[in-house]
């Protein structure tokens, strides 16, 4: 097994360490770039934040950029929720106790199953996320009569890639397994592989974090896809049978 890691730069370290410990060869090629938005003026958002009952964080980047913007001055009276384990730990590192989606479903559906989010009538909820995320969570919370708004603190893009060079690197290294942790990374992976090499990509084992990304991978024509049901390191290692 030779694994391709694709998280944004600086976000692959835990997986690199885990694979090295298990003597599994890997190559790291970030296929997502994350940058802050212009929505980070603390003075403009402070009054809104102080009136918020529930904060829901979609990713560690949401925690990182939002916390930097307000100098970690989160309302003590609010409740905090994290979609996944890594996001939960990022909040914990800031001294924020959060609830997280169940370990076997660390995605929107798991979060919505939590008892604490069943009765949110007239609660002011802010979803802290990147630009252009999924709407499923918000729509369901609105159905449950919450007052819902977004705080979009970062945006995603594809890093500048030397397409011919990276494809040569992947194949010469012998990549046969690719870890994907978001739909955007999957999109950028498929875009980075030219048509004449798509047959090679179809031979690779693709590990994805959710049923949504699994369905997208199958729609792209990828043949061997495993849903790890979460994006954290333990879930990915389990999907790799390591």
C-alpha atoms as a PDB file:
ATOM      1  CA  UNK A   1       0.000   0.000   0.000  1.00  0.00           C
ATOM      2  CA  UNK A   2       1.238   3.460  -0.933  1.00  0.00           C
ATOM      3  CA  UNK A   3      -0.934   6.312   0.241  1.00  0.00           C
ATOM      4  CA  UNK A   4      -1.544   9.813  -1.095  1.00  0.00           C
ATOM      5  CA  UNK A   5      -2.419  12.418   1.568  1.00  0.00           C
ATOM      6  CA  UNK A   6      -4.302  15.447   0.272  1.00  0.00           C
ATOM      7  CA  UNK A   7      -5.349  17.687   3.169  1.00  0.00           C
ATOM      8  CA  UNK A   8      -4.316  21.375   3.063  1.00  0.00           C
ATOM      9  CA  UNK A   9      -0.688  22.196   3.862  1.00  0.00           C
ATOM     10  CA  UNK A  10       0.032  21.753   7.566  1.00  0.00           C
ATOM     11  CA  UNK A  11      -2.947  19.451   8.132  1.00  0.00           C
ATOM     12  CA  UNK A  12      -1.398  16.089   7.212  1.00  0.00           C
ATOM     13  CA  UNK A  13       1.002  15.666  10.116  1.00  0.00           C
ATOM     14  CA  UNK A  14      -1.068  13.293  12.273  1.00  0.00           C
ATOM     15  CA  UNK A  15      -1.692  10.969   9.358  1.00  0.00           C
ATOM     16  CA  UNK A  16       1.947  11.140   8.291  1.00  0.00           C
ATOM     17  CA  UNK A  17       3.036  10.146  11.801  1.00  0.00           C
ATOM     18  CA  UNK A  18       0.494   7.325  11.972  1.00  0.00           C
ATOM     19  CA  UNK A  19       1.549   5.881   8.620  1.00  0.00           C
ATOM     20  CA  UNK A  20       5.256   6.198   9.431  1.00  0.00           C
ATOM     21  CA  UNK A  21       4.695   4.351  12.723  1.00  0.00           C
ATOM     22  CA  UNK A  22       3.051   1.535  10.746  1.00  0.00           C
ATOM     23  CA  UNK A  23       5.780   1.521   8.074  1.00  0.00           C
ATOM     24  CA  UNK A  24       3.323   2.507   5.338  1.00  0.00           C
ATOM     25  CA  UNK A  25       4.767   4.550   2.486  1.00  0.00           C
ATOM     26  CA  UNK A  26       3.017   7.825   1.693  1.00  0.00           C
ATOM     27  CA  UNK A  27       3.287  10.947  -0.415  1.00  0.00           C
ATOM     28  CA  UNK A  28       1.765  14.301   0.560  1.00  0.00           C
ATOM     29  CA  UNK A  29       0.230  16.581  -2.076  1.00  0.00           C
ATOM     30  CA  UNK A  30      -2.143  19.203  -0.636  1.00  0.00           C
ATOM     31  CA  UNK A  31      -5.177  19.492  -2.901  1.00  0.00           C
ATOM     32  CA  UNK A  32      -6.964  22.214  -0.972  1.00  0.00           C
ATOM     33  CA  UNK A  33      -5.940  25.719   0.030  1.00  0.00           C
ATOM     34  CA  UNK A  34      -7.716  27.545   2.848  1.00  0.00           C
ATOM     35  CA  UNK A  35      -7.583  31.338   3.288  1.00  0.00           C
ATOM     36  CA  UNK A  36      -9.484  33.738   5.585  1.00  0.00           C
ATOM     37  CA  UNK A  37     -12.427  35.748   4.299  1.00  0.00           C
ATOM     38  CA  UNK A  38     -13.111  39.431   4.897  1.00  0.00           C
ATOM     39  CA  UNK A  39     -15.840  38.559   7.423  1.00  0.00           C
ATOM     40  CA  UNK A  40     -13.522  38.720  10.416  1.00  0.00           C
ATOM     41  CA  UNK A  41     -14.093  42.215  11.822  1.00  0.00           C
ATOM     42  CA  UNK A  42     -14.573  41.523  15.526  1.00  0.00           C
ATOM     43  CA  UNK A  43     -16.325  44.816  16.250  1.00  0.00           C
ATOM     44  CA  UNK A  44     -18.942  44.249  13.568  1.00  0.00           C
ATOM     45  CA  UNK A  45     -19.830  40.764  14.762  1.00  0.00           C
ATOM     46  CA  UNK A  46     -19.406  41.097  18.532  1.00  0.00           C
ATOM     47  CA  UNK A  47     -23.004  42.050  19.377  1.00  0.00           C
ATOM     48  CA  UNK A  48     -24.333  39.182  17.248  1.00  0.00           C
ATOM     49  CA  UNK A  49     -22.025  36.677  18.905  1.00  0.00           C
ATOM     50  CA  UNK A  50     -23.024  37.778  22.386  1.00  0.00           C
ATOM     51  CA  UNK A  51     -26.690  37.086  21.568  1.00  0.00           C
ATOM     52  CA  UNK A  52     -25.987  33.617  20.194  1.00  0.00           C
ATOM     53  CA  UNK A  53     -27.325  30.569  22.035  1.00  0.00           C
ATOM     54  CA  UNK A  54     -25.608  27.867  20.000  1.00  0.00           C
ATOM     55  CA  UNK A  55     -22.437  27.805  17.889  1.00  0.00           C
ATOM     56  CA  UNK A  56     -21.859  24.959  15.467  1.00  0.00           C
ATOM     57  CA  UNK A  57     -18.369  24.550  14.019  1.00  0.00           C
ATOM     58  CA  UNK A  58     -18.016  22.708  10.752  1.00  0.00           C
ATOM     59  CA  UNK A  59     -14.225  22.258  10.753  1.00  0.00           C
ATOM     60  CA  UNK A  60     -10.976  23.003  12.523  1.00  0.00           C
ATOM     61  CA  UNK A  61     -10.479  25.893  10.104  1.00  0.00           C
ATOM     62  CA  UNK A  62     -13.750  27.372  11.342  1.00  0.00           C
ATOM     63  CA  UNK A  63     -12.385  27.223  14.888  1.00  0.00           C
ATOM     64  CA  UNK A  64      -9.001  28.620  13.881  1.00  0.00           C
ATOM     65  CA  UNK A  65     -10.110  31.652  11.877  1.00  0.00           C
ATOM     66  CA  UNK A  66     -13.088  32.583  14.038  1.00  0.00           C
ATOM     67  CA  UNK A  67     -11.148  32.329  17.300  1.00  0.00           C
ATOM     68  CA  UNK A  68      -8.335  34.457  15.927  1.00  0.00           C
ATOM     69  CA  UNK A  69     -10.832  37.121  14.850  1.00  0.00           C
ATOM     70  CA  UNK A  70     -12.363  37.531  18.294  1.00  0.00           C
ATOM     71  CA  UNK A  71      -9.244  36.768  20.349  1.00  0.00           C
ATOM     72  CA  UNK A  72     -10.929  33.626  21.754  1.00  0.00           C
ATOM     73  CA  UNK A  73     -13.574  35.687  23.596  1.00  0.00           C
ATOM     74  CA  UNK A  74     -16.449  33.290  23.096  1.00  0.00           C
ATOM     75  CA  UNK A  75     -19.671  33.810  25.106  1.00  0.00           C
ATOM     76  CA  UNK A  76     -19.627  31.676  28.254  1.00  0.00           C
ATOM     77  CA  UNK A  77     -23.403  31.263  28.190  1.00  0.00           C
ATOM     78  CA  UNK A  78     -23.560  29.683  24.725  1.00  0.00           C
ATOM     79  CA  UNK A  79     -23.482  25.985  23.855  1.00  0.00           C
ATOM     80  CA  UNK A  80     -20.923  24.696  21.385  1.00  0.00           C
ATOM     81  CA  UNK A  81     -21.087  21.851  18.897  1.00  0.00           C
ATOM     82  CA  UNK A  82     -18.507  20.258  16.602  1.00  0.00           C
ATOM     83  CA  UNK A  83     -19.194  18.111  13.558  1.00  0.00           C
ATOM     84  CA  UNK A  84     -16.116  15.915  14.022  1.00  0.00           C
ATOM     85  CA  UNK A  85     -13.464  14.760  16.447  1.00  0.00           C
ATOM     86  CA  UNK A  86     -10.729  17.075  15.169  1.00  0.00           C
ATOM     87  CA  UNK A  87     -13.012  20.098  15.440  1.00  0.00           C
ATOM     88  CA  UNK A  88     -14.042  19.021  18.934  1.00  0.00           C
ATOM     89  CA  UNK A  89     -10.383  18.787  19.965  1.00  0.00           C
ATOM     90  CA  UNK A  90      -9.621  22.194  18.427  1.00  0.00           C
ATOM     91  CA  UNK A  91     -12.344  23.730  20.604  1.00  0.00           C
ATOM     92  CA  UNK A  92     -11.131  21.801  23.641  1.00  0.00           C
ATOM     93  CA  UNK A  93      -7.650  23.243  23.117  1.00  0.00           C
ATOM     94  CA  UNK A  94      -9.228  26.704  23.507  1.00  0.00           C
ATOM     95  CA  UNK A  95     -10.891  25.677  26.755  1.00  0.00           C
ATOM     96  CA  UNK A  96     -14.316  25.331  25.129  1.00  0.00           C
ATOM     97  CA  UNK A  97     -16.382  22.303  26.088  1.00  0.00           C
ATOM     98  CA  UNK A  98     -18.335  21.210  23.035  1.00  0.00           C
ATOM     99  CA  UNK A  99     -20.640  18.383  22.085  1.00  0.00           C
ATOM    100  CA  UNK A 100     -19.794  16.428  18.975  1.00  0.00           C
ATOM    101  CA  UNK A 101     -21.509  14.200  16.459  1.00  0.00           C
ATOM    102  CA  UNK A 102     -21.469  10.467  17.310  1.00  0.00           C
ATOM    103  CA  UNK A 103     -18.217   8.663  16.512  1.00  0.00           C
ATOM    104  CA  UNK A 104     -19.947   6.420  13.967  1.00  0.00           C
ATOM    105  CA  UNK A 105     -21.466   9.359  12.060  1.00  0.00           C
ATOM    106  CA  UNK A 106     -19.273  12.437  12.253  1.00  0.00           C
ATOM    107  CA  UNK A 107     -21.151  14.486   9.708  1.00  0.00           C
ATOM    108  CA  UNK A 108     -24.293  16.598   9.418  1.00  0.00           C
ATOM    109  CA  UNK A 109     -26.656  13.673   9.961  1.00  0.00           C
ATOM    110  CA  UNK A 110     -24.879  12.634  13.146  1.00  0.00           C
ATOM    111  CA  UNK A 111     -24.932  16.164  14.511  1.00  0.00           C
ATOM    112  CA  UNK A 112     -28.655  16.489  13.843  1.00  0.00           C
ATOM    113  CA  UNK A 113     -29.280  13.277  15.804  1.00  0.00           C
ATOM    114  CA  UNK A 114     -27.983  14.815  19.055  1.00  0.00           C
ATOM    115  CA  UNK A 115     -30.672  15.259  21.691  1.00  0.00           C
ATOM    116  CA  UNK A 116     -29.464  18.788  22.449  1.00  0.00           C
ATOM    117  CA  UNK A 117     -30.327  19.911  18.897  1.00  0.00           C
ATOM    118  CA  UNK A 118     -33.807  18.416  18.766  1.00  0.00           C
ATOM    119  CA  UNK A 119     -35.615  21.304  20.459  1.00  0.00           C
ATOM    120  CA  UNK A 120     -34.165  24.609  19.282  1.00  0.00           C
ATOM    121  CA  UNK A 121     -37.313  26.744  18.943  1.00  0.00           C
ATOM    122  CA  UNK A 122     -36.335  30.431  18.771  1.00  0.00           C
ATOM    123  CA  UNK A 123     -32.706  29.652  19.613  1.00  0.00           C
ATOM    124  CA  UNK A 124     -30.145  31.905  17.926  1.00  0.00           C
ATOM    125  CA  UNK A 125     -27.761  29.562  16.149  1.00  0.00           C
ATOM    126  CA  UNK A 126     -24.633  30.482  14.207  1.00  0.00           C
ATOM    127  CA  UNK A 127     -22.964  27.943  11.947  1.00  0.00           C
ATOM    128  CA  UNK A 128     -19.275  28.816  11.673  1.00  0.00           C
ATOM    129  CA  UNK A 129     -17.989  27.503   8.370  1.00  0.00           C
ATOM    130  CA  UNK A 130     -16.264  28.202   5.069  1.00  0.00           C
ATOM    131  CA  UNK A 131     -17.856  29.934   2.100  1.00  0.00           C
ATOM    132  CA  UNK A 132     -20.314  27.790   0.182  1.00  0.00           C
ATOM    133  CA  UNK A 133     -20.750  24.828   2.503  1.00  0.00           C
ATOM    134  CA  UNK A 134     -23.663  22.399   2.575  1.00  0.00           C
ATOM    135  CA  UNK A 135     -27.114  23.731   3.411  1.00  0.00           C
ATOM    136  CA  UNK A 136     -28.614  20.526   4.873  1.00  0.00           C
ATOM    137  CA  UNK A 137     -27.755  21.362   8.477  1.00  0.00           C
ATOM    138  CA  UNK A 138     -29.160  24.879   8.301  1.00  0.00           C
ATOM    139  CA  UNK A 139     -32.342  23.815   6.532  1.00  0.00           C
ATOM    140  CA  UNK A 140     -33.108  21.160   9.124  1.00  0.00           C
ATOM    141  CA  UNK A 141     -32.449  23.510  12.041  1.00  0.00           C
ATOM    142  CA  UNK A 142     -34.738  26.099  10.442  1.00  0.00           C
ATOM    143  CA  UNK A 143     -37.404  23.386  10.219  1.00  0.00           C
ATOM    144  CA  UNK A 144     -36.910  22.957  13.948  1.00  0.00           C
ATOM    145  CA  UNK A 145     -37.712  26.689  14.267  1.00  0.00           C
ATOM    146  CA  UNK A 146     -34.230  27.968  15.079  1.00  0.00           C
ATOM    147  CA  UNK A 147     -33.078  31.473  14.145  1.00  0.00           C
ATOM    148  CA  UNK A 148     -30.202  30.481  11.894  1.00  0.00           C
ATOM    149  CA  UNK A 149     -27.290  32.466  10.474  1.00  0.00           C
ATOM    150  CA  UNK A 150     -23.837  31.756   9.062  1.00  0.00           C
ATOM    151  CA  UNK A 151     -20.442  33.133   9.904  1.00  0.00           C
ATOM    152  CA  UNK A 152     -18.252  32.255   6.919  1.00  0.00           C
ATOM    153  CA  UNK A 153     -14.681  32.746   8.081  1.00  0.00           C
ATOM    154  CA  UNK A 154     -12.624  31.044   5.362  1.00  0.00           C
ATOM    155  CA  UNK A 155     -12.725  30.108   1.719  1.00  0.00           C
ATOM    156  CA  UNK A 156     -11.413  27.100  -0.114  1.00  0.00           C
ATOM    157  CA  UNK A 157      -9.495  26.923  -3.339  1.00  0.00           C
ATOM    158  CA  UNK A 158      -7.151  24.665  -5.233  1.00  0.00           C
ATOM    159  CA  UNK A 159      -3.407  25.290  -4.768  1.00  0.00           C
ATOM    160  CA  UNK A 160      -1.364  26.020  -7.853  1.00  0.00           C
ATOM    161  CA  UNK A 161      -0.300  22.617  -9.153  1.00  0.00           C
ATOM    162  CA  UNK A 162       2.125  21.482 -11.818  1.00  0.00           C
ATOM    163  CA  UNK A 163      -0.331  18.923 -13.169  1.00  0.00           C
ATOM    164  CA  UNK A 164       2.049  16.898 -15.344  1.00  0.00           C
ATOM    165  CA  UNK A 165       4.676  16.806 -12.607  1.00  0.00           C
ATOM    166  CA  UNK A 166       2.381  15.698  -9.786  1.00  0.00           C
ATOM    167  CA  UNK A 167       0.784  12.980 -11.910  1.00  0.00           C
ATOM    168  CA  UNK A 168       4.230  11.668 -12.753  1.00  0.00           C
ATOM    169  CA  UNK A 169       5.174  11.752  -9.063  1.00  0.00           C
ATOM    170  CA  UNK A 170       2.055   9.869  -8.022  1.00  0.00           C
ATOM    171  CA  UNK A 171       2.517   7.116 -10.570  1.00  0.00           C
ATOM    172  CA  UNK A 172       6.276   6.740 -10.194  1.00  0.00           C
ATOM    173  CA  UNK A 173       5.833   6.542  -6.411  1.00  0.00           C
ATOM    174  CA  UNK A 174       3.257   3.805  -6.951  1.00  0.00           C
ATOM    175  CA  UNK A 175       0.271   5.484  -5.307  1.00  0.00           C
ATOM    176  CA  UNK A 176      -2.598   3.002  -5.024  1.00  0.00           C
ATOM    177  CA  UNK A 177      -4.596   4.518  -2.138  1.00  0.00           C
ATOM    178  CA  UNK A 178      -5.842   8.097  -1.817  1.00  0.00           C
ATOM    179  CA  UNK A 179      -7.252   9.688   1.337  1.00  0.00           C
ATOM    180  CA  UNK A 180      -9.925  12.311   0.683  1.00  0.00           C
ATOM    181  CA  UNK A 181     -11.346  14.323   3.585  1.00  0.00           C
ATOM    182  CA  UNK A 182     -13.832  16.609   1.812  1.00  0.00           C
ATOM    183  CA  UNK A 183     -15.872  16.962  -1.344  1.00  0.00           C
ATOM    184  CA  UNK A 184     -13.736  19.902  -2.469  1.00  0.00           C
ATOM    185  CA  UNK A 185     -10.568  17.800  -2.255  1.00  0.00           C
ATOM    186  CA  UNK A 186     -12.259  15.082  -4.315  1.00  0.00           C
ATOM    187  CA  UNK A 187     -13.222  17.672  -6.940  1.00  0.00           C
ATOM    188  CA  UNK A 188      -9.655  18.972  -7.108  1.00  0.00           C
ATOM    189  CA  UNK A 189      -8.249  15.438  -7.332  1.00  0.00           C
ATOM    190  CA  UNK A 190     -10.425  14.552 -10.308  1.00  0.00           C
ATOM    191  CA  UNK A 191      -9.618  17.872 -12.011  1.00  0.00           C
ATOM    192  CA  UNK A 192      -5.899  17.262 -11.523  1.00  0.00           C
ATOM    193  CA  UNK A 193      -5.881  13.929 -13.363  1.00  0.00           C
ATOM    194  CA  UNK A 194      -5.992  14.278 -17.177  1.00  0.00           C
ATOM    195  CA  UNK A 195      -8.388  12.113 -19.175  1.00  0.00           C
ATOM    196  CA  UNK A 196      -5.644   9.821 -20.435  1.00  0.00           C
ATOM    197  CA  UNK A 197      -4.699   8.929 -16.849  1.00  0.00           C
ATOM    198  CA  UNK A 198      -8.205   8.562 -15.459  1.00  0.00           C
ATOM    199  CA  UNK A 199      -8.030   4.784 -15.875  1.00  0.00           C
ATOM    200  CA  UNK A 200      -5.111   4.821 -13.418  1.00  0.00           C
ATOM    201  CA  UNK A 201      -7.172   6.820 -10.903  1.00  0.00           C
ATOM    202  CA  UNK A 202      -9.952   4.245 -11.199  1.00  0.00           C
ATOM    203  CA  UNK A 203      -7.535   1.546 -10.031  1.00  0.00           C
ATOM    204  CA  UNK A 204      -6.830   3.437  -6.793  1.00  0.00           C
ATOM    205  CA  UNK A 205      -8.592   2.769  -3.507  1.00  0.00           C
ATOM    206  CA  UNK A 206     -10.296   6.045  -2.552  1.00  0.00           C
ATOM    207  CA  UNK A 207     -11.055   6.641   1.146  1.00  0.00           C
ATOM    208  CA  UNK A 208     -13.744   9.272   1.766  1.00  0.00           C
ATOM    209  CA  UNK A 209     -15.224  10.768   4.972  1.00  0.00           C
ATOM    210  CA  UNK A 210     -18.986  10.584   4.398  1.00  0.00           C
ATOM    211  CA  UNK A 211     -21.831   9.088   2.390  1.00  0.00           C
ATOM    212  CA  UNK A 212     -22.177  12.375   0.497  1.00  0.00           C
ATOM    213  CA  UNK A 213     -18.568  12.281  -0.715  1.00  0.00           C
ATOM    214  CA  UNK A 214     -18.878   8.545  -1.370  1.00  0.00           C
ATOM    215  CA  UNK A 215     -21.810   9.167  -3.705  1.00  0.00           C
ATOM    216  CA  UNK A 216     -19.888  11.954  -5.442  1.00  0.00           C
ATOM    217  CA  UNK A 217     -16.880   9.654  -5.963  1.00  0.00           C
ATOM    218  CA  UNK A 218     -19.070   6.956  -7.496  1.00  0.00           C
ATOM    219  CA  UNK A 219     -20.700   9.568  -9.744  1.00  0.00           C
ATOM    220  CA  UNK A 220     -17.238  10.562 -10.965  1.00  0.00           C
ATOM    221  CA  UNK A 221     -16.711   6.969 -12.078  1.00  0.00           C
ATOM    222  CA  UNK A 222     -14.286   5.883  -9.380  1.00  0.00           C
ATOM    223  CA  UNK A 223     -14.448   2.150  -8.813  1.00  0.00           C
ATOM    224  CA  UNK A 224     -13.085   1.275  -5.361  1.00  0.00           C
ATOM    225  CA  UNK A 225     -14.378   3.700  -2.745  1.00  0.00           C
ATOM    226  CA  UNK A 226     -14.622   3.219   1.026  1.00  0.00           C
ATOM    227  CA  UNK A 227     -16.639   5.450   3.333  1.00  0.00           C
ATOM    228  CA  UNK A 228     -14.654   5.978   6.556  1.00  0.00           C
ATOM    229  CA  UNK A 229     -17.703   7.795   8.043  1.00  0.00           C
ATOM    230  CA  UNK A 230     -15.446  10.524   9.471  1.00  0.00           C
ATOM    231  CA  UNK A 231     -12.410  12.548   8.427  1.00  0.00           C
ATOM    232  CA  UNK A 232     -10.275  12.017  11.537  1.00  0.00           C
ATOM    233  CA  UNK A 233      -7.082   9.958  11.592  1.00  0.00           C
ATOM    234  CA  UNK A 234      -8.528   6.976  13.484  1.00  0.00           C
ATOM    235  CA  UNK A 235     -11.439   6.650  11.084  1.00  0.00           C
ATOM    236  CA  UNK A 236      -9.127   6.799   8.077  1.00  0.00           C
ATOM    237  CA  UNK A 237      -6.739   4.222   9.554  1.00  0.00           C
ATOM    238  CA  UNK A 238      -9.647   1.889  10.253  1.00  0.00           C
ATOM    239  CA  UNK A 239     -10.825   2.272   6.648  1.00  0.00           C
ATOM    240  CA  UNK A 240      -7.277   1.376   5.549  1.00  0.00           C
ATOM    241  CA  UNK A 241      -7.398  -1.703   7.836  1.00  0.00           C
ATOM    242  CA  UNK A 242      -4.385  -0.406   9.746  1.00  0.00           C
END
